[in-house]
Amino acid sequence: MAAAACAEAPEEQSPGDSTEEAYRACMVTDVGGINDRSFNASAWAGLEQAAAQQPGIDPTYVASDAEDDYIPNLTGFVEEGCDFILAVGGLMYNQTKEVAAANPEQQFGIVDANVDEPNVYPMEFDTAQAAFLAGYLAAGYSESGIVATYGGMQIDPVTIFMDGFVDGVAHYNEVKGADVQVLGWNKETQEGSFTEDFVDQALGKSISDAFVAQGADVIMPVAGGAGLGTADAALASGGEYAVIWVDVDGCESAEQYCSVFLTTVVKNIPLAVQDAVLAAYGSDGLTTGSFYGTLENGGVALAPYHEFEDDIPDELKAEVEQLKQDIIDGTIVVESPAQPQAAG
């Protein structure tokens, strides 16, 4: 599903370009922008996939340059007569709630938040589960015994990845009697490293350079486009360290960096968005319910190892697969204070 996100995004479109007969599915990006190769790009892929399955759906988007744009962009789509309005990201929680409450007959959807309004369809993901697998993999793959992670901003949809990653490393240490260290995040204190930005690649590079200087040879940025700074630096280093990407398979969304992507912690936003839009399209009224992604339903996953397939020991691959099944079965319970309420 995430493969569609690798396609080049179109020029920003005006809602007025849509045909009058079409079902208009309209998306407001967060500040990361449509070409972040990650979060926003994967949501747009979901809209495109819905349109491919149902030609009556006409997708369009507007990019937000700042948080102050969220309410005007959401409201603008209401005024333009969009049928389904998608808010991309928990950063838009308050603004989506405000606009949805003011327009109770308008269908909204939101990624990574659960807005308590009956006209907002929530899409949430237990990415801690897949990040746990990534942490175990990183610990087993690391030669230095030091791995790292950092975020864009300290918000739940970011720290949930970091919590799962840290716990995966801890589990590896427990079962192997190892002492792999994690830089960048302390789950117990909920303190760590953040760019405070989802766009600036120089900030991502600066943080990862500091990690590498301390010996880290696997780094997981959870920072949208800012994380591309880490990927670019890893590529320039000649593979001195590996990168674990997030949200959408990095070898499909940013294929120029595939040679440094150990794997990706996939959040299947395209599937969630596609299903939400198709459900709304076929509904006579407001679409109710929600989407909650887990390892069991494919809402979260580890991407293929791509160019690292032959570099990862078969035993480690098998252990990761077994851990996946153990989490699905409930033998291993992955917990994070950032998990959506559905996890409980």
Protein backbone atom coordinates (compact mmCIF):
# COMPACT_ATOMS: atom_id res chain seq x y z
CA MET A 1 0.00 0.00 0.00
CA ALA A 2 2.78 2.39 0.91
CA ALA A 3 4.37 2.03 -2.51
CA ALA A 4 2.15 4.70 -3.98
CA ALA A 5 3.80 7.27 -1.74
CA CYS A 6 6.94 7.15 -3.85
CA ALA A 7 5.21 8.81 -6.75
CA GLU A 8 6.07 12.47 -7.22
CA ALA A 9 3.41 14.65 -5.64
CA PRO A 10 1.44 16.88 -7.98
CA GLU A 11 1.49 20.61 -7.86
CA GLU A 12 -0.67 21.98 -5.05
CA GLN A 13 -4.21 21.98 -6.31
CA SER A 14 -7.09 24.36 -5.80
CA PRO A 15 -10.39 22.85 -4.68
CA GLY A 16 -12.04 24.82 -7.45
CA ASP A 17 -10.27 22.62 -10.02
CA SER A 18 -12.50 19.65 -9.14
CA THR A 19 -15.49 18.73 -11.26
CA GLU A 20 -18.88 19.52 -9.81
CA GLU A 21 -20.04 15.89 -9.95
CA ALA A 22 -17.02 14.41 -8.23
CA TYR A 23 -16.82 13.33 -4.59
CA ARG A 24 -14.15 15.69 -3.34
CA ALA A 25 -11.65 14.24 -0.88
CA CYS A 26 -9.55 17.15 0.40
CA MET A 27 -6.39 16.89 2.49
CA VAL A 28 -4.64 19.47 4.68
CA THR A 29 -0.98 18.61 5.30
CA ASP A 30 0.79 19.44 8.50
CA VAL A 31 3.90 21.63 8.42
CA GLY A 32 6.01 18.77 7.06
CA GLY A 33 4.55 19.34 3.60
CA ILE A 34 3.47 16.97 0.85
CA ASN A 35 7.00 15.95 -0.16
CA ASP A 36 8.25 14.77 3.24
CA ARG A 37 8.77 11.24 1.85
CA SER A 38 7.06 10.04 4.98
CA PHE A 39 3.95 11.07 6.88
CA ASN A 40 2.12 13.50 4.60
CA ALA A 41 3.23 11.71 1.44
CA SER A 42 1.73 8.45 2.68
CA ALA A 43 -1.60 10.11 3.51
CA TRP A 44 -1.72 11.55 0.00
CA ALA A 45 -1.01 8.06 -1.35
CA GLY A 46 -4.11 6.85 0.48
CA LEU A 47 -6.27 9.47 -1.23
CA GLU A 48 -4.81 8.54 -4.61
CA GLN A 49 -5.47 4.85 -3.97
CA ALA A 50 -9.09 5.58 -3.06
CA ALA A 51 -9.48 7.54 -6.30
CA ALA A 52 -7.90 4.71 -8.28
CA GLN A 53 -10.44 2.26 -6.85
CA GLN A 54 -13.39 4.61 -7.26
CA PRO A 55 -13.07 7.06 -10.17
CA GLY A 56 -15.87 9.18 -8.71
CA ILE A 57 -13.46 10.40 -6.02
CA ASP A 58 -11.43 13.52 -6.82
CA PRO A 59 -8.47 14.04 -4.42
CA THR A 60 -6.89 17.41 -3.75
CA TYR A 61 -4.67 18.91 -1.04
CA VAL A 62 -3.38 22.14 0.40
CA ALA A 63 -0.02 22.39 2.16
CA SER A 64 0.34 24.13 5.52
CA ASP A 65 3.46 26.24 5.93
CA ALA A 66 2.81 26.99 9.61
CA GLU A 67 0.46 25.88 12.37
CA ASP A 68 -1.46 29.13 11.92
CA ASP A 69 -2.52 27.77 8.50
CA TYR A 70 -4.44 24.80 9.88
CA ILE A 71 -7.74 26.50 10.69
CA PRO A 72 -7.84 28.63 7.50
CA ASN A 73 -6.99 25.58 5.38
CA LEU A 74 -9.59 23.36 7.04
CA THR A 75 -12.21 26.08 6.94
CA GLY A 76 -11.39 26.88 3.34
CA PHE A 77 -12.16 23.33 2.28
CA VAL A 78 -15.46 23.46 4.17
CA GLU A 79 -16.39 26.62 2.31
CA GLU A 80 -15.35 25.12 -1.02
CA GLY A 81 -17.75 22.22 -0.50
CA CYS A 82 -15.35 19.32 -0.03
CA ASP A 83 -17.11 16.06 0.84
CA PHE A 84 -14.33 14.55 2.98
CA ILE A 85 -11.68 16.67 4.68
CA LEU A 86 -8.57 14.91 5.98
CA ALA A 87 -6.35 16.50 8.64
CA VAL A 88 -2.91 14.92 8.61
CA GLY A 89 -1.41 14.64 12.04
CA GLY A 90 -1.95 15.02 15.75
CA LEU A 91 -0.55 18.54 15.55
CA MET A 92 -3.91 19.47 14.04
CA TYR A 93 -5.99 18.00 16.88
CA ASN A 94 -7.23 21.25 18.41
CA GLN A 95 -7.83 22.97 15.10
CA THR A 96 -9.69 19.98 13.65
CA LYS A 97 -11.86 19.74 16.75
CA GLU A 98 -12.72 23.44 16.51
CA VAL A 99 -13.61 23.40 12.82
CA ALA A 100 -15.47 20.07 13.07
CA ALA A 101 -17.56 21.30 16.00
CA ALA A 102 -18.50 24.39 14.01
CA ASN A 103 -19.52 22.27 11.00
CA PRO A 104 -21.30 19.20 12.44
CA GLU A 105 -22.65 17.99 9.08
CA GLN A 106 -19.21 18.00 7.43
CA GLN A 107 -17.26 14.71 7.25
CA PHE A 108 -13.70 14.94 8.55
CA GLY A 109 -10.95 12.41 9.10
CA ILE A 110 -7.73 12.77 11.09
CA VAL A 111 -4.51 10.77 11.21
CA ASP A 112 -2.81 10.14 14.56
CA ALA A 113 -5.48 11.61 16.79
CA ASN A 114 -8.92 10.80 18.15
CA VAL A 115 -10.98 13.96 18.03
CA ASP A 116 -14.07 13.63 20.18
CA GLU A 117 -16.53 14.85 17.57
CA PRO A 118 -19.02 12.52 15.82
CA ASN A 119 -18.13 13.86 12.37
CA VAL A 120 -14.39 13.10 12.66
CA TYR A 121 -13.17 9.62 11.67
CA PRO A 122 -9.96 8.85 13.63
CA MET A 123 -7.03 6.81 12.30
CA GLU A 124 -4.50 5.73 14.93
CA PHE A 125 -1.60 3.30 15.01
CA ASP A 126 0.18 1.25 17.66
CA THR A 127 3.59 1.88 16.13
CA ALA A 128 5.27 0.86 19.39
CA GLN A 129 4.67 -2.75 18.32
CA ALA A 130 6.58 -2.47 15.04
CA ALA A 131 9.22 -0.20 16.59
CA PHE A 132 9.86 -2.90 19.21
CA LEU A 133 10.84 -5.23 16.36
CA ALA A 134 13.06 -2.49 14.90
CA GLY A 135 14.80 -1.98 18.22
CA TYR A 136 15.51 -5.69 18.57
CA LEU A 137 16.78 -5.78 14.98
CA ALA A 138 18.99 -2.73 15.51
CA ALA A 139 20.51 -4.22 18.66
CA GLY A 140 21.21 -7.51 16.91
CA TYR A 141 22.66 -5.83 13.83
CA SER A 142 24.83 -3.25 15.63
CA GLU A 143 28.53 -3.97 15.77
CA SER A 144 29.37 -1.08 18.10
CA GLY A 145 26.72 -1.94 20.67
CA ILE A 146 25.35 1.61 20.41
CA VAL A 147 22.16 2.59 18.57
CA ALA A 148 20.14 5.82 18.60
CA THR A 149 16.83 7.49 17.90
CA TYR A 150 15.54 11.05 17.84
CA GLY A 151 12.27 12.82 17.11
CA GLY A 152 10.91 15.84 15.33
CA MET A 153 8.77 17.07 18.22
CA GLN A 154 7.93 15.54 21.58
CA ILE A 155 4.37 14.50 20.77
CA ASP A 156 2.74 11.11 21.24
CA PRO A 157 2.79 10.03 17.55
CA VAL A 158 6.58 10.51 17.66
CA THR A 159 7.54 9.20 21.09
CA ILE A 160 5.49 6.04 20.62
CA PHE A 161 8.07 4.96 18.02
CA MET A 162 10.93 5.82 20.37
CA ASP A 163 9.38 3.95 23.31
CA GLY A 164 8.92 0.81 21.25
CA PHE A 165 12.45 1.05 19.87
CA VAL A 166 13.99 1.38 23.34
CA ASP A 167 11.97 -1.57 24.63
CA GLY A 168 13.02 -3.70 21.68
CA VAL A 169 16.68 -3.03 22.46
CA ALA A 170 16.03 -3.80 26.14
CA HIS A 171 14.41 -7.11 25.20
CA TYR A 172 17.43 -8.02 23.07
CA ASN A 173 19.72 -7.24 25.98
CA GLU A 174 17.60 -9.37 28.29
CA VAL A 175 17.43 -12.49 26.13
CA LYS A 176 21.00 -12.25 24.85
CA GLY A 177 22.73 -11.05 27.99
CA ALA A 178 23.96 -8.08 25.99
CA ASP A 179 24.43 -4.39 26.85
CA VAL A 180 23.46 -2.46 23.73
CA GLN A 181 22.99 1.22 24.57
CA VAL A 182 20.35 3.57 23.16
CA LEU A 183 21.20 7.23 22.63
CA GLY A 184 18.59 9.92 22.16
CA TRP A 185 15.70 8.66 24.28
CA ASN A 186 15.10 7.59 27.85
CA LYS A 187 11.73 5.90 28.07
CA GLU A 188 11.61 6.03 31.86
CA THR A 189 12.10 9.80 32.09
CA GLN A 190 10.54 10.55 28.68
CA GLU A 191 13.50 12.76 27.82
CA GLY A 192 15.57 12.79 24.67
CA SER A 193 16.71 14.47 21.48
CA PHE A 194 14.39 16.41 19.16
CA THR A 195 14.90 18.66 16.16
CA GLU A 196 11.73 20.65 17.03
CA ASP A 197 11.18 20.63 13.28
CA PHE A 198 9.87 18.18 10.68
CA VAL A 199 11.49 19.82 7.65
CA ASP A 200 15.03 21.08 8.26
CA GLN A 201 17.43 18.33 7.16
CA ALA A 202 20.42 20.16 8.63
CA LEU A 203 18.96 19.72 12.11
CA GLY A 204 18.51 15.99 11.57
CA LYS A 205 22.07 15.68 10.29
CA SER A 206 23.43 17.59 13.28
CA ILE A 207 21.78 15.26 15.79
CA SER A 208 22.80 12.09 13.97
CA ASP A 209 26.38 13.36 13.54
CA ALA A 210 26.56 13.69 17.32
CA PHE A 211 25.26 10.14 17.75
CA VAL A 212 27.80 8.76 15.28
CA ALA A 213 30.58 10.59 17.13
CA GLN A 214 29.51 8.65 20.22
CA GLY A 215 29.69 5.34 18.36
CA ALA A 216 26.14 4.77 17.13
CA ASP A 217 25.95 2.60 14.01
CA VAL A 218 22.13 2.37 13.68
CA ILE A 219 19.90 5.47 13.94
CA MET A 220 16.12 5.77 13.76
CA PRO A 221 14.91 9.33 13.08
CA VAL A 222 11.21 9.97 13.74
CA ALA A 223 11.26 13.43 12.26
CA GLY A 224 9.62 13.42 8.84
CA GLY A 225 11.62 15.27 6.21
CA ALA A 226 14.19 16.41 8.79
CA GLY A 227 15.21 12.77 9.09
CA LEU A 228 16.39 12.82 5.47
CA GLY A 229 19.40 14.73 6.78
CA THR A 230 20.40 11.57 8.64
CA ALA A 231 19.86 9.42 5.56
CA ASP A 232 21.89 11.78 3.40
CA ALA A 233 24.77 11.85 5.88
CA ALA A 234 24.73 8.06 6.15
CA LEU A 235 24.94 7.80 2.37
CA ALA A 236 27.79 10.31 2.23
CA SER A 237 29.66 8.36 4.90
CA GLY A 238 29.78 5.32 2.66
CA GLY A 239 27.59 3.29 4.96
CA GLU A 240 29.37 4.06 8.23
CA TYR A 241 25.99 3.61 9.87
CA ALA A 242 22.53 2.34 8.95
CA VAL A 243 19.22 4.15 9.18
CA ILE A 244 15.81 2.86 10.21
CA TRP A 245 13.15 4.96 8.47
CA VAL A 246 9.56 5.40 9.65
CA ASP A 247 6.01 5.73 8.34
CA VAL A 248 6.41 4.56 4.73
CA ASP A 249 9.01 2.13 3.32
CA GLY A 250 12.04 4.37 2.75
CA CYS A 251 13.22 2.28 -0.20
CA GLU A 252 10.01 3.23 -1.99
CA SER A 253 9.51 6.81 -0.80
CA ALA A 254 13.17 7.92 -0.79
CA GLU A 255 14.79 5.24 -2.91
CA GLN A 256 18.01 7.21 -3.39
CA TYR A 257 18.82 6.30 0.21
CA CYS A 258 17.80 2.64 0.03
CA SER A 259 21.40 1.48 0.46
CA VAL A 260 21.44 2.88 4.01
CA PHE A 261 17.91 1.90 5.10
CA LEU A 262 18.14 -1.18 7.29
CA THR A 263 14.34 -1.32 7.37
CA THR A 264 11.35 0.93 7.99
CA VAL A 265 8.83 0.98 10.83
CA VAL A 266 5.77 1.20 8.60
CA LYS A 267 2.63 3.02 9.63
CA ASN A 268 0.07 1.97 7.03
CA ILE A 269 -1.48 5.39 6.61
CA PRO A 270 -2.33 4.75 2.94
CA LEU A 271 -4.54 1.78 3.87
CA ALA A 272 -6.27 3.66 6.68
CA VAL A 273 -6.93 6.76 4.57
CA GLN A 274 -8.06 4.76 1.56
CA ASP A 275 -10.53 2.75 3.62
CA ALA A 276 -11.87 5.85 5.38
CA VAL A 277 -12.49 7.74 2.15
CA LEU A 278 -14.09 4.75 0.42
CA ALA A 279 -16.35 4.19 3.43
CA ALA A 280 -17.39 7.83 3.46
CA TYR A 281 -17.94 7.80 -0.30
CA GLY A 282 -20.35 4.90 0.03
CA SER A 283 -22.19 6.29 3.05
CA ASP A 284 -25.46 8.20 3.04
CA GLY A 285 -24.48 10.03 6.23
CA LEU A 286 -21.47 10.56 8.45
CA THR A 287 -19.00 7.68 8.60
CA THR A 288 -18.68 6.28 12.11
CA GLY A 289 -16.10 3.97 13.63
CA SER A 290 -12.33 4.26 13.54
CA PHE A 291 -9.11 2.65 12.31
CA TYR A 292 -6.59 1.26 14.78
CA GLY A 293 -3.45 -0.19 13.20
CA THR A 294 -1.58 -3.09 14.80
CA LEU A 295 0.83 -5.82 13.74
CA GLU A 296 -2.10 -8.21 13.62
CA ASN A 297 -4.16 -6.25 11.08
CA GLY A 298 -1.21 -4.93 9.08
CA GLY A 299 -1.75 -1.36 10.22
CA VAL A 300 1.88 -1.33 11.39
CA ALA A 301 4.77 -3.49 10.19
CA LEU A 302 8.45 -3.78 9.47
CA ALA A 303 9.32 -3.19 5.82
CA PRO A 304 11.47 -5.67 3.88
CA TYR A 305 15.21 -5.46 4.45
CA HIS A 306 15.89 -4.69 0.77
CA GLU A 307 19.65 -4.18 0.26
CA PHE A 308 20.41 -5.43 3.78
CA GLU A 309 18.71 -8.78 3.16
CA ASP A 310 22.01 -10.65 2.89
CA ASP A 311 23.69 -8.69 5.68
CA ILE A 312 21.26 -9.63 8.44
CA PRO A 313 21.89 -13.08 9.94
CA ASP A 314 19.14 -15.62 9.29
CA GLU A 315 18.92 -16.30 13.02
CA LEU A 316 18.21 -12.63 13.73
CA LYS A 317 15.56 -12.52 11.00
CA ALA A 318 13.87 -15.57 12.50
CA GLU A 319 13.93 -14.05 15.98
CA VAL A 320 12.28 -10.86 14.69
CA GLU A 321 9.56 -12.93 13.00
CA GLN A 322 8.96 -14.87 16.19
CA LEU A 323 8.76 -11.65 18.19
CA LYS A 324 6.14 -10.37 15.76
CA GLN A 325 4.03 -13.46 16.38
CA ASP A 326 4.59 -13.22 20.13
CA ILE A 327 3.27 -9.65 20.12
CA ILE A 328 0.27 -10.63 18.01
CA ASP A 329 -0.47 -13.55 20.36
CA GLY A 330 -0.07 -11.38 23.44
CA THR A 331 2.89 -13.36 24.76
CA ILE A 332 4.84 -10.11 24.66
CA VAL A 333 2.96 -6.93 25.52
CA VAL A 334 4.45 -3.69 24.22
CA GLU A 335 3.47 -0.65 26.26
CA SER A 336 4.00 3.07 25.83
CA PRO A 337 2.42 6.07 27.56
CA ALA A 338 1.95 7.47 24.05
CA GLN A 339 -0.22 4.56 22.85
CA PRO A 340 -3.73 5.47 21.71
CA GLN A 341 -6.45 4.49 24.15
CA ALA A 342 -7.49 1.56 21.94
CA ALA A 343 -4.28 -0.19 23.03
CA GLY A 344 -5.78 -0.67 26.47
